[in-house]
Protein backbone atom coordinates (compact mmCIF):
# COMPACT_ATOMS: atom_id res chain seq x y z
CA MET A 1 0.00 0.00 0.00
CA ALA A 2 1.35 3.42 -0.91
CA ASN A 3 2.35 5.88 1.81
CA THR A 4 3.69 9.41 1.99
CA TYR A 5 5.82 9.21 5.14
CA ASN A 6 9.21 9.30 3.35
CA HIS A 7 11.18 8.12 6.39
CA LEU A 8 14.26 7.24 4.36
CA ALA A 9 14.80 10.85 3.34
CA LYS A 10 15.31 11.63 7.03
CA LEU A 11 18.02 8.99 7.26
CA ALA A 12 19.96 10.28 4.26
CA ILE A 13 23.33 11.91 4.93
CA GLU A 14 25.08 14.76 3.13
CA LYS A 15 28.82 14.65 2.44
CA LEU A 16 30.56 17.82 3.63
CA ASP A 17 34.19 16.74 3.26
CA THR A 18 36.26 13.58 2.77
CA ASN A 19 35.31 12.08 6.14
CA LEU A 20 32.66 14.54 7.31
CA PHE A 21 28.89 14.16 6.90
CA ARG A 22 25.69 15.84 8.02
CA GLY A 23 22.37 14.19 8.89
CA GLN A 24 18.92 15.38 9.87
CA PRO A 25 17.41 14.40 13.23
CA ASN A 26 14.29 12.25 13.42
CA ASP A 27 10.77 13.49 14.16
CA TRP A 28 10.06 11.53 17.33
CA PRO A 29 7.47 13.20 19.61
CA ASN A 30 9.92 14.29 22.31
CA ARG A 31 12.90 16.59 22.65
CA HIS A 32 15.55 13.90 22.13
CA VAL A 33 16.83 12.08 19.05
CA PHE A 34 16.06 8.34 18.87
CA GLY A 35 19.29 6.39 19.37
CA GLY A 36 18.61 3.98 16.51
CA HIS A 37 18.40 6.93 14.12
CA VAL A 38 21.90 8.10 15.08
CA VAL A 39 23.31 4.56 14.80
CA ALA A 40 21.81 4.19 11.31
CA GLN A 41 23.21 7.49 10.04
CA ALA A 42 26.64 6.72 11.50
CA ILE A 43 26.63 3.40 9.62
CA LEU A 44 25.78 5.18 6.36
CA ALA A 45 28.56 7.74 6.96
CA ALA A 46 31.18 5.07 7.72
CA THR A 47 30.12 2.98 4.72
CA GLU A 48 30.75 5.96 2.44
CA THR A 49 34.46 5.72 3.33
CA VAL A 50 35.04 1.99 2.59
CA ASP A 51 35.34 0.08 -0.69
CA ASP A 52 32.24 -1.66 -2.04
CA HIS A 53 33.53 -5.20 -1.42
CA PHE A 54 33.58 -4.64 2.35
CA TYR A 55 30.46 -5.34 4.39
CA LEU A 56 29.63 -4.25 7.92
CA HIS A 57 29.83 -7.21 10.31
CA SER A 58 29.98 -5.62 13.77
CA LEU A 59 29.56 -2.36 15.62
CA HIS A 60 29.88 -1.19 19.20
CA CYS A 61 28.61 2.23 20.25
CA TYR A 62 28.10 4.49 23.26
CA PHE A 63 25.35 7.05 23.77
CA LEU A 64 27.25 9.88 25.47
CA ARG A 65 24.68 12.68 25.66
CA PRO A 66 21.01 13.05 24.70
CA GLY A 67 20.67 14.19 21.09
CA ILE A 68 18.67 17.39 20.59
CA ALA A 69 15.64 17.06 18.32
CA GLY A 70 15.36 19.61 15.51
CA GLN A 71 19.14 20.10 15.24
CA ASP A 72 21.36 18.60 12.53
CA LEU A 73 24.00 16.04 13.44
CA ILE A 74 27.59 16.09 12.17
CA TYR A 75 29.28 12.70 11.65
CA ASP A 76 33.08 12.75 11.82
CA VAL A 77 34.56 9.51 10.43
CA ASP A 78 38.03 8.34 11.48
CA PRO A 79 39.41 5.76 8.97
CA ILE A 80 41.41 3.83 11.56
CA ARG A 81 42.52 0.90 9.41
CA ASN A 82 42.28 -0.35 5.83
CA GLY A 83 43.35 -3.98 5.48
CA ARG A 84 42.94 -6.64 2.81
CA SER A 85 40.19 -8.54 4.65
CA PHE A 86 39.01 -6.08 7.30
CA CYS A 87 38.75 -2.34 7.70
CA THR A 88 37.81 -0.35 10.78
CA ARG A 89 36.10 2.98 11.25
CA ARG A 90 35.27 5.16 14.25
CA VAL A 91 32.53 7.78 14.01
CA ASN A 92 31.58 10.56 16.40
CA ALA A 93 28.18 12.23 16.12
CA ILE A 94 28.39 15.90 17.09
CA GLN A 95 25.89 18.58 18.12
CA ASN A 96 26.85 22.03 19.41
CA GLY A 97 30.52 21.11 19.14
CA GLU A 98 30.19 18.14 21.53
CA ALA A 99 30.20 14.42 20.81
CA ILE A 100 26.82 12.95 21.74
CA PHE A 101 27.59 9.47 20.38
CA SER A 102 30.62 7.36 19.47
CA ILE A 103 30.74 4.14 17.45
CA SER A 104 33.38 1.69 16.23
CA LEU A 105 32.55 -0.35 13.13
CA SER A 106 34.33 -3.28 11.48
CA PHE A 107 33.88 -4.26 7.82
CA HIS A 108 34.83 -7.62 6.32
CA ILE A 109 35.05 -9.09 2.83
CA LYS A 110 32.90 -12.13 2.00
CA GLU A 111 34.64 -15.41 2.84
CA GLU A 112 33.74 -19.11 2.88
CA GLY A 113 33.81 -20.97 6.19
CA LEU A 114 32.00 -23.10 8.76
CA VAL A 115 28.24 -22.59 9.07
CA HIS A 116 25.81 -23.17 11.93
CA GLN A 117 23.21 -21.05 13.73
CA PRO A 118 20.64 -21.16 16.56
CA VAL A 119 17.12 -22.33 15.84
CA MET A 120 14.49 -19.61 15.63
CA PRO A 121 12.00 -19.89 18.53
CA VAL A 122 8.47 -21.08 17.79
CA VAL A 123 6.30 -17.98 18.17
CA ALA A 124 2.98 -16.56 17.02
CA LEU A 125 3.05 -15.33 13.42
CA PRO A 126 2.49 -11.65 12.56
CA ASP A 127 -0.89 -12.33 10.93
CA ASP A 128 -2.09 -13.56 14.33
CA LEU A 129 -0.89 -10.47 16.21
CA LEU A 130 -2.11 -6.88 16.47
CA ASP A 131 -0.36 -3.83 15.03
CA ASP A 132 1.55 -2.07 17.84
CA ASP A 133 0.36 1.41 16.84
CA ILE A 134 -2.61 1.32 19.24
CA TYR A 135 -0.42 0.35 22.19
CA PHE A 136 2.27 2.96 21.49
CA ASN A 137 -0.35 5.66 20.98
CA LYS A 138 -1.53 4.99 24.54
CA LEU A 139 2.04 4.85 25.85
CA LEU A 140 3.43 7.96 24.12
CA ARG A 141 0.37 10.20 23.83
CA PRO A 142 0.46 13.17 26.23
CA LYS A 143 -2.47 13.41 28.62
CA ASP A 144 -5.40 15.10 26.83
CA GLY A 145 -3.17 15.44 23.73
CA PRO A 146 -4.08 14.51 20.16
CA PRO A 147 -3.59 10.93 18.92
CA ILE A 148 -0.07 10.01 17.83
CA ASP A 149 0.49 8.50 14.39
CA ARG A 150 3.51 6.29 15.12
CA LYS A 151 4.06 5.54 11.43
CA SER A 152 4.69 9.26 10.85
CA PHE A 153 8.01 9.04 12.73
CA PHE A 154 8.89 5.32 12.84
CA PRO A 155 9.66 3.56 9.52
CA PHE A 156 8.56 0.06 10.59
CA GLU A 157 5.31 -1.70 11.30
CA THR A 158 5.75 -3.85 14.42
CA ARG A 159 3.71 -6.59 16.06
CA ALA A 160 4.76 -7.70 19.54
CA LEU A 161 4.19 -11.14 20.99
CA GLU A 162 2.97 -9.51 24.19
CA HIS A 163 2.73 -6.10 25.85
CA LEU A 164 2.58 -5.33 29.55
CA ASP A 165 -0.62 -3.55 30.53
CA ILE A 166 0.00 0.21 30.56
CA GLU A 167 -2.21 0.97 33.57
CA ASN A 168 -1.37 -2.07 35.73
CA PRO A 169 1.76 -3.85 34.45
CA GLU A 170 2.64 -7.13 36.16
CA PRO A 171 5.95 -9.03 36.21
CA LYS A 172 6.49 -11.17 33.12
CA SER A 173 9.27 -13.26 31.63
CA SER A 174 12.24 -11.24 30.41
CA SER A 175 12.19 -13.22 27.16
CA THR A 176 9.91 -11.77 24.49
CA GLY A 177 10.06 -10.40 20.95
CA PHE A 178 8.32 -8.69 18.08
CA TRP A 179 7.93 -8.91 14.32
CA PHE A 180 8.80 -5.92 12.13
CA LYS A 181 8.86 -4.88 8.49
CA LEU A 182 9.45 -1.66 6.58
CA ILE A 183 6.49 0.57 5.76
CA GLU A 184 8.22 1.85 2.62
CA THR A 185 9.64 -0.26 -0.21
CA PRO A 186 13.05 1.29 -1.01
CA ASP A 187 15.76 0.04 -3.32
CA GLN A 188 17.51 -2.11 -0.74
CA THR A 189 21.29 -1.97 -0.70
CA VAL A 190 23.54 -3.87 1.70
CA ALA A 191 24.50 -0.62 3.46
CA LEU A 192 20.92 0.66 3.76
CA ASN A 193 19.69 -2.69 5.06
CA ALA A 194 22.43 -2.73 7.71
CA ALA A 195 21.51 0.82 8.75
CA LEU A 196 17.79 0.05 8.92
CA LEU A 197 18.36 -3.15 10.88
CA ALA A 198 20.46 -1.18 13.37
CA TYR A 199 17.70 1.44 13.56
CA VAL A 200 14.98 -1.01 14.57
CA SER A 201 17.29 -3.02 16.85
CA ASP A 202 17.21 -0.16 19.38
CA MET A 203 13.40 -0.33 19.56
CA SER A 204 11.87 -1.74 22.78
CA PHE A 205 15.17 -3.45 23.61
CA LEU A 206 15.67 -2.12 27.12
CA SER A 207 11.99 -2.82 27.90
CA SER A 208 12.88 -6.50 28.22
CA THR A 209 15.00 -5.66 31.30
CA LEU A 210 11.95 -4.03 32.92
CA ARG A 211 9.49 -6.87 32.31
CA PRO A 212 10.55 -9.10 35.26
CA HIS A 213 9.88 -6.12 37.55
CA GLY A 214 6.43 -5.33 36.16
CA LEU A 215 7.61 -2.02 34.73
CA ILE A 216 7.26 -0.26 31.39
CA PRO A 217 9.03 2.86 30.05
CA ARG A 218 7.52 6.03 31.56
CA HIS A 219 6.30 4.12 34.61
CA LYS A 220 5.89 6.37 37.67
CA ARG A 221 8.54 4.35 39.57
CA LEU A 222 11.18 5.15 36.94
CA LYS A 223 13.17 8.37 37.17
CA ASN A 224 15.40 7.79 34.16
CA VAL A 225 15.71 4.98 31.60
CA ALA A 226 18.17 5.38 28.73
CA SER A 227 20.43 3.32 26.48
CA LEU A 228 24.10 3.46 27.50
CA ASP A 229 25.62 1.35 24.75
CA HIS A 230 24.59 -0.92 21.89
CA SER A 231 26.32 -3.69 19.95
CA ILE A 232 25.35 -5.53 16.77
CA TRP A 233 26.90 -8.48 14.96
CA LEU A 234 25.62 -8.85 11.40
CA HIS A 235 25.77 -12.46 10.23
CA GLU A 236 24.16 -12.04 6.80
CA THR A 237 24.02 -9.38 4.10
CA ASP A 238 21.14 -10.79 2.05
CA PHE A 239 17.77 -10.16 3.73
CA ASP A 240 14.55 -8.34 2.86
CA LEU A 241 13.21 -5.85 5.41
CA THR A 242 9.99 -5.34 3.48
CA ASP A 243 9.07 -8.87 4.60
CA TRP A 244 8.41 -9.82 8.22
CA VAL A 245 11.51 -10.24 10.42
CA PHE A 246 11.48 -11.46 14.04
CA TYR A 247 13.45 -9.84 16.88
CA GLN A 248 13.89 -12.07 19.94
CA THR A 249 14.92 -10.11 23.06
CA ASP A 250 15.88 -11.18 26.56
CA GLY A 251 16.55 -8.84 29.49
CA GLU A 252 19.00 -11.15 31.21
CA TRP A 253 20.25 -8.98 34.09
CA THR A 254 19.53 -5.86 36.16
CA GLY A 255 21.58 -4.40 39.01
CA ASN A 256 23.55 -1.34 40.14
CA GLY A 257 21.12 0.95 38.33
CA ARG A 258 21.67 -0.77 34.99
CA GLY A 259 20.16 -3.54 32.87
CA LEU A 260 21.57 -5.81 30.16
CA ALA A 261 19.57 -7.18 27.23
CA ARG A 262 20.56 -9.53 24.41
CA GLY A 263 18.77 -10.20 21.16
CA ARG A 264 18.67 -12.32 18.02
CA ILE A 265 17.13 -11.34 14.70
CA PHE A 266 15.67 -13.91 12.30
CA THR A 267 14.07 -13.73 8.86
CA HIS A 268 10.55 -15.18 8.59
CA ASP A 269 12.00 -18.46 7.31
CA GLY A 270 14.40 -18.82 10.26
CA LYS A 271 17.72 -17.43 8.98
CA HIS A 272 19.69 -15.87 11.85
CA ILE A 273 20.83 -12.53 10.41
CA ALA A 274 22.05 -10.59 13.46
CA SER A 275 22.79 -10.67 17.19
CA THR A 276 22.54 -7.68 19.53
CA SER A 277 23.26 -6.55 23.07
CA GLN A 278 22.53 -3.37 24.98
CA GLU A 279 23.14 -1.99 28.45
CA ALA A 280 20.73 0.59 29.81
CA LEU A 281 20.60 3.04 32.68
CA ILE A 282 17.63 2.28 34.97
CA ARG A 283 17.18 4.80 37.80
CA LEU A 284 14.25 4.56 40.19
CA CYS A 285 12.43 7.45 41.80
CA GLN A 286 13.10 7.88 45.51
CA GLU A 287 10.36 6.26 47.58
């Protein structure tokens, strides 16, 4: 079905100099930039500086300061190493002269080798689940404010296996997941697919660390919840994000004001295309 959201234009970057790029912020309904948006643009910037036969296989990043919505981001790429099989890049995202985000990325040529993977969990299929827009409208909509059209600022349709009740959440298993697919149908390149996969991998990830405690983002017991770092290992380059993809997440630990989540991403036919991990800050309000 046709749409007029044009999310991908917001992800596009502009080359300013050899290793310097500019990107627009996203249109999320708050004063901060969504972390997945910054990760995606940093991937696109780094990819511009490597040869076409190299493919992103891993990244590790830190969210240093909240990004300011409505203000362009500058991406400064450091070409650390160019090898025959691997090359490495470091990118800083800058606003107001300060780094708000830092990422290291490794690119690899295609090689033959051993092959095995985990089995995709048996879960409900997307046709049997509800679109998440209704849930997120309730979660994100300001009190007495107008309805929020999530698809106007988020480029994916998502369908979760389960949501905690917004009004009265109860403790649940830390292991959960959701299906996702692109709203738009772009010309998919390896670099764009990697960037888009990174974008969506930051969505609802830290929520899995809250589930065992019967908490959701914006719960009255939470003072501050924010991503501290994020890692992705890309196992495949050939996948279609306009078809349903499953993201399995598990909030495996909380303590010392932090939480750790791990994830696996599978195509609808069970191919394991990526693994993820993220640590989050979780501060409680004083009783």
